[in-house]
Amino acid sequence: MNGLENWLAMALMGLAWAEQPSLESRQLMSAKIDNATLYWGTYRPNLFFGTRARVPGSALTGLMWNSHNNPEDWSVFRHDCEQTDDFSKYGYLKHDGRLFGVQEIHDKRFNLLLRTEFVKVPSQEFGGDWAVRISGKALDPDLPLVTGIYYYIGLDEEGTLNSVDPEEKDASIDLEIKGYSPNYGKLSFSVLQDKKNERLNSGEIQVSSDPAELDPKEPSALLKD
């Protein structure tokens, strides 16, 4: 075997050795990946739905909604998880505690079946990426359903969150929010809406003391004596 062949053989042995980390290294790597799968999750049990990381000062999100079916319900917001007769049922259909969760909420008063879905792609750096999808439909299709959905994003510590200028963001994204957290550096949230979504018509707010005079598909305010 000449010198070049010896060098190639040693190099290949080195590569083979590099691909076989020690048992201790493999255990440490496995522990990091295991912890990463738990870094982000639906860790806001006092709310119907929300996400955050398992660290102090986390970025967090939450879900709120109200009904526009009846002007008298406009001031009734769903946010904190409560046991009332307004709900026929709510809870997770599937949740593995790490990477995904699917929930359904049956809001009888608002005639709304709301579905939340959470999925995560873990990595060793700050738990990886995750996504949330919010969808809904009428519990009774023969009754009206006009609902306001509010999905908010915030920081539980000092930091910054700002929306990206529409002219600078990716055209495929409806809304992009970027920020910075002292705990884990740069943050980025992208919001995409379903193309089948229907916006309420924008216009002047209707004002009346008689609910029957108000168009449920237009912004309105009910006057009370």
Protein backbone atom coordinates (compact mmCIF):
# COMPACT_ATOMS: atom_id res chain seq x y z
CA MET A 1 0.00 0.00 0.00
CA ASN A 2 1.55 3.32 -1.02
CA GLY A 3 1.55 6.53 1.02
CA LEU A 4 -1.54 7.93 -0.67
CA GLU A 5 -3.50 4.72 -0.02
CA ASN A 6 -2.39 4.77 3.65
CA TRP A 7 -3.54 8.38 3.99
CA LEU A 8 -6.92 7.61 2.42
CA ALA A 9 -7.41 4.56 4.67
CA MET A 10 -6.59 6.62 7.79
CA ALA A 11 -8.92 9.40 6.63
CA LEU A 12 -11.77 6.94 6.08
CA MET A 13 -11.14 5.40 9.52
CA GLY A 14 -11.27 8.91 10.97
CA LEU A 15 -14.60 9.59 9.25
CA ALA A 16 -15.99 6.27 10.44
CA TRP A 17 -14.89 7.06 13.99
CA ALA A 18 -16.41 10.53 13.82
CA GLU A 19 -19.78 9.02 12.91
CA GLN A 20 -19.78 6.88 16.09
CA PRO A 21 -20.07 9.22 19.10
CA SER A 22 -19.50 7.83 22.54
CA LEU A 23 -22.36 6.44 24.63
CA GLU A 24 -22.14 9.47 26.92
CA SER A 25 -22.35 11.85 23.93
CA ARG A 26 -25.32 9.96 22.51
CA GLN A 27 -27.11 10.09 25.87
CA LEU A 28 -26.44 13.84 26.18
CA MET A 29 -27.68 14.43 22.63
CA SER A 30 -30.80 12.36 23.31
CA ALA A 31 -31.49 14.33 26.51
CA LYS A 32 -31.19 17.64 24.63
CA ILE A 33 -33.59 16.49 21.93
CA ASP A 34 -35.99 15.14 24.57
CA ASN A 35 -35.96 18.47 26.43
CA ALA A 36 -36.38 20.36 23.16
CA THR A 37 -39.66 18.59 22.44
CA LEU A 38 -41.02 20.02 25.71
CA TYR A 39 -39.70 23.57 25.32
CA TRP A 40 -42.81 25.03 23.60
CA GLY A 41 -46.34 23.82 24.19
CA THR A 42 -49.93 24.59 25.17
CA TYR A 43 -48.79 25.57 28.66
CA ARG A 44 -51.58 28.03 29.54
CA PRO A 45 -54.09 25.76 31.33
CA ASN A 46 -56.19 28.65 32.64
CA LEU A 47 -57.18 29.58 29.08
CA PHE A 48 -59.23 27.79 26.44
CA PHE A 49 -56.12 27.89 24.26
CA GLY A 50 -52.66 29.44 24.43
CA THR A 51 -48.98 28.67 23.92
CA ARG A 52 -45.76 29.57 25.69
CA ALA A 53 -42.31 28.19 26.46
CA ARG A 54 -41.31 26.48 29.72
CA VAL A 55 -39.05 29.37 30.76
CA PRO A 56 -39.68 32.59 32.71
CA GLY A 57 -40.44 35.62 30.57
CA SER A 58 -41.63 33.56 27.62
CA ALA A 59 -43.28 34.84 24.49
CA LEU A 60 -46.92 33.76 24.71
CA THR A 61 -50.06 33.59 22.66
CA GLY A 62 -53.74 33.28 23.49
CA LEU A 63 -57.15 32.95 21.88
CA MET A 64 -60.27 35.05 22.45
CA TRP A 65 -63.59 35.20 20.65
CA ASN A 66 -67.00 36.84 20.84
CA SER A 67 -70.26 36.63 18.95
CA HIS A 68 -71.69 39.14 16.49
CA ASN A 69 -74.92 37.17 16.10
CA ASN A 70 -76.61 39.34 18.71
CA PRO A 71 -75.39 42.84 19.68
CA GLU A 72 -76.08 42.01 23.32
CA ASP A 73 -73.31 39.37 23.15
CA TRP A 74 -70.65 41.72 21.82
CA SER A 75 -69.30 42.42 25.29
CA VAL A 76 -69.13 38.69 26.19
CA PHE A 77 -65.62 37.46 25.41
CA ARG A 78 -64.36 33.89 25.72
CA HIS A 79 -60.80 33.69 27.06
CA ASP A 80 -60.44 32.20 30.52
CA CYS A 81 -61.44 28.55 30.69
CA GLU A 82 -64.71 28.40 32.63
CA GLN A 83 -67.32 25.74 33.41
CA THR A 84 -70.67 27.16 32.27
CA ASP A 85 -73.84 25.91 30.63
CA ASP A 86 -72.85 27.85 27.47
CA PHE A 87 -70.65 24.94 26.37
CA SER A 88 -71.93 21.50 25.46
CA LYS A 89 -68.35 20.23 25.54
CA TYR A 90 -64.73 21.27 25.13
CA GLY A 91 -61.34 19.62 25.46
CA TYR A 92 -58.53 17.94 23.59
CA LEU A 93 -59.38 15.11 21.22
CA LYS A 94 -55.68 14.27 20.83
CA HIS A 95 -52.56 15.52 22.61
CA ASP A 96 -49.21 13.76 22.98
CA GLY A 97 -47.87 16.32 25.48
CA ARG A 98 -44.97 17.18 23.19
CA LEU A 99 -45.50 17.66 19.48
CA PHE A 100 -49.20 18.12 18.71
CA GLY A 101 -52.66 18.71 20.10
CA VAL A 102 -56.17 18.95 18.60
CA GLN A 103 -59.04 20.50 20.57
CA GLU A 104 -62.73 21.16 19.92
CA ILE A 105 -64.88 23.70 21.73
CA HIS A 106 -68.67 23.59 21.35
CA ASP A 107 -70.00 27.03 22.28
CA LYS A 108 -73.80 26.64 22.31
CA ARG A 109 -74.59 30.26 23.13
CA PHE A 110 -72.58 31.54 20.16
CA ASN A 111 -73.56 28.61 17.87
CA LEU A 112 -69.83 27.97 17.29
CA LEU A 113 -67.76 24.82 16.91
CA LEU A 114 -64.19 26.04 17.32
CA ARG A 115 -61.18 23.84 16.55
CA THR A 116 -57.60 24.54 17.63
CA GLU A 117 -54.60 22.62 16.28
CA PHE A 118 -51.00 22.82 17.51
CA VAL A 119 -48.00 21.14 15.88
CA LYS A 120 -44.28 21.45 16.54
CA VAL A 121 -41.05 20.63 14.70
CA PRO A 122 -38.46 20.37 17.49
CA SER A 123 -34.78 21.18 17.32
CA GLN A 124 -32.04 21.58 19.91
CA GLU A 125 -32.11 25.38 19.70
CA PHE A 126 -34.99 26.89 21.71
CA GLY A 127 -37.34 24.02 20.98
CA GLY A 128 -37.68 24.48 17.22
CA ASP A 129 -40.63 25.83 15.22
CA TRP A 130 -44.35 25.44 15.85
CA ALA A 131 -47.65 26.35 14.20
CA VAL A 132 -51.25 26.91 15.27
CA ARG A 133 -54.40 26.67 13.17
CA ILE A 134 -57.75 28.09 14.32
CA SER A 135 -60.90 27.09 12.44
CA GLY A 136 -64.61 27.07 13.10
CA LYS A 137 -68.08 26.45 11.79
CA ALA A 138 -71.68 26.69 12.96
CA LEU A 139 -72.94 24.09 15.40
CA ASP A 140 -76.36 24.50 13.82
CA PRO A 141 -76.05 25.51 10.15
CA ASP A 142 -79.63 26.76 10.17
CA LEU A 143 -78.76 29.48 12.70
CA PRO A 144 -76.60 32.57 12.04
CA LEU A 145 -72.90 32.56 12.83
CA VAL A 146 -70.88 35.78 12.82
CA THR A 147 -67.89 35.50 15.15
CA GLY A 148 -64.90 37.67 16.04
CA ILE A 149 -61.70 35.65 16.53
CA TYR A 150 -58.73 37.28 18.28
CA TYR A 151 -55.39 35.49 18.44
CA TYR A 152 -52.88 37.62 20.31
CA ILE A 153 -49.11 37.49 20.72
CA GLY A 154 -47.17 39.04 23.59
CA LEU A 155 -44.09 38.93 25.78
CA ASP A 156 -44.08 38.04 29.46
CA GLU A 157 -40.94 40.16 29.97
CA GLU A 158 -39.04 43.11 28.54
CA GLY A 159 -38.50 42.90 24.80
CA THR A 160 -39.93 44.07 21.51
CA LEU A 161 -42.63 42.92 19.08
CA ASN A 162 -43.40 44.84 15.90
CA SER A 163 -45.35 44.14 12.73
CA VAL A 164 -43.29 44.08 9.55
CA ASP A 165 -44.08 46.72 6.92
CA PRO A 166 -46.45 45.14 4.34
CA GLU A 167 -44.10 46.18 1.54
CA GLU A 168 -41.16 44.38 3.17
CA LYS A 169 -42.78 41.09 4.18
CA ASP A 170 -43.15 37.93 2.12
CA ALA A 171 -46.15 38.30 -0.20
CA SER A 172 -47.46 34.86 0.82
CA ILE A 173 -47.80 35.99 4.46
CA ASP A 174 -50.78 38.09 5.56
CA LEU A 175 -49.09 39.44 8.67
CA GLU A 176 -45.52 39.10 9.94
CA ILE A 177 -44.38 40.03 13.45
CA LYS A 178 -40.75 40.15 14.52
CA GLY A 179 -39.19 40.91 17.86
CA TYR A 180 -36.49 40.28 20.38
CA SER A 181 -36.44 38.59 23.78
CA PRO A 182 -33.49 38.75 26.21
CA ASN A 183 -34.05 35.06 27.00
CA TYR A 184 -33.82 33.62 23.49
CA GLY A 185 -32.95 36.35 21.05
CA LYS A 186 -34.86 36.97 17.83
CA LEU A 187 -38.53 36.01 17.43
CA SER A 188 -40.65 35.71 14.31
CA PHE A 189 -44.39 35.02 13.90
CA SER A 190 -46.13 34.61 10.54
CA VAL A 191 -49.92 34.78 10.17
CA LEU A 192 -51.70 33.24 7.17
CA GLN A 193 -55.45 33.30 6.75
CA ASP A 194 -57.54 30.74 4.93
CA LYS A 195 -58.43 32.00 1.46
CA LYS A 196 -62.07 31.05 2.16
CA ASN A 197 -62.33 33.53 5.04
CA GLU A 198 -65.04 36.16 4.63
CA ARG A 199 -64.46 39.62 6.04
CA LEU A 200 -67.30 41.66 7.50
CA ASN A 201 -68.13 44.63 5.31
CA SER A 202 -66.33 47.75 6.46
CA GLY A 203 -68.41 50.87 6.84
CA GLU A 204 -70.09 53.14 9.34
CA ILE A 205 -71.16 51.62 12.65
CA GLN A 206 -74.91 51.07 12.90
CA VAL A 207 -76.52 52.52 16.01
CA SER A 208 -80.00 51.56 17.18
CA SER A 209 -81.98 50.75 20.31
CA ASP A 210 -83.80 47.97 18.45
CA PRO A 211 -81.71 44.84 17.64
CA ALA A 212 -84.13 43.98 14.82
CA GLU A 213 -83.00 47.10 12.92
CA LEU A 214 -79.32 46.04 12.91
CA ASP A 215 -77.70 44.07 10.11
CA PRO A 216 -75.72 41.27 11.84
CA LYS A 217 -73.07 41.39 9.07
CA GLU A 218 -72.26 45.05 9.69
CA PRO A 219 -70.48 46.70 12.66
CA SER A 220 -73.14 47.90 15.09
CA ALA A 221 -73.78 49.25 18.57
CA LEU A 222 -76.93 48.62 20.58
CA LEU A 223 -78.18 51.54 22.62
CA LYS A 224 -79.65 50.71 26.02
CA ASP A 225 -81.90 52.84 28.22
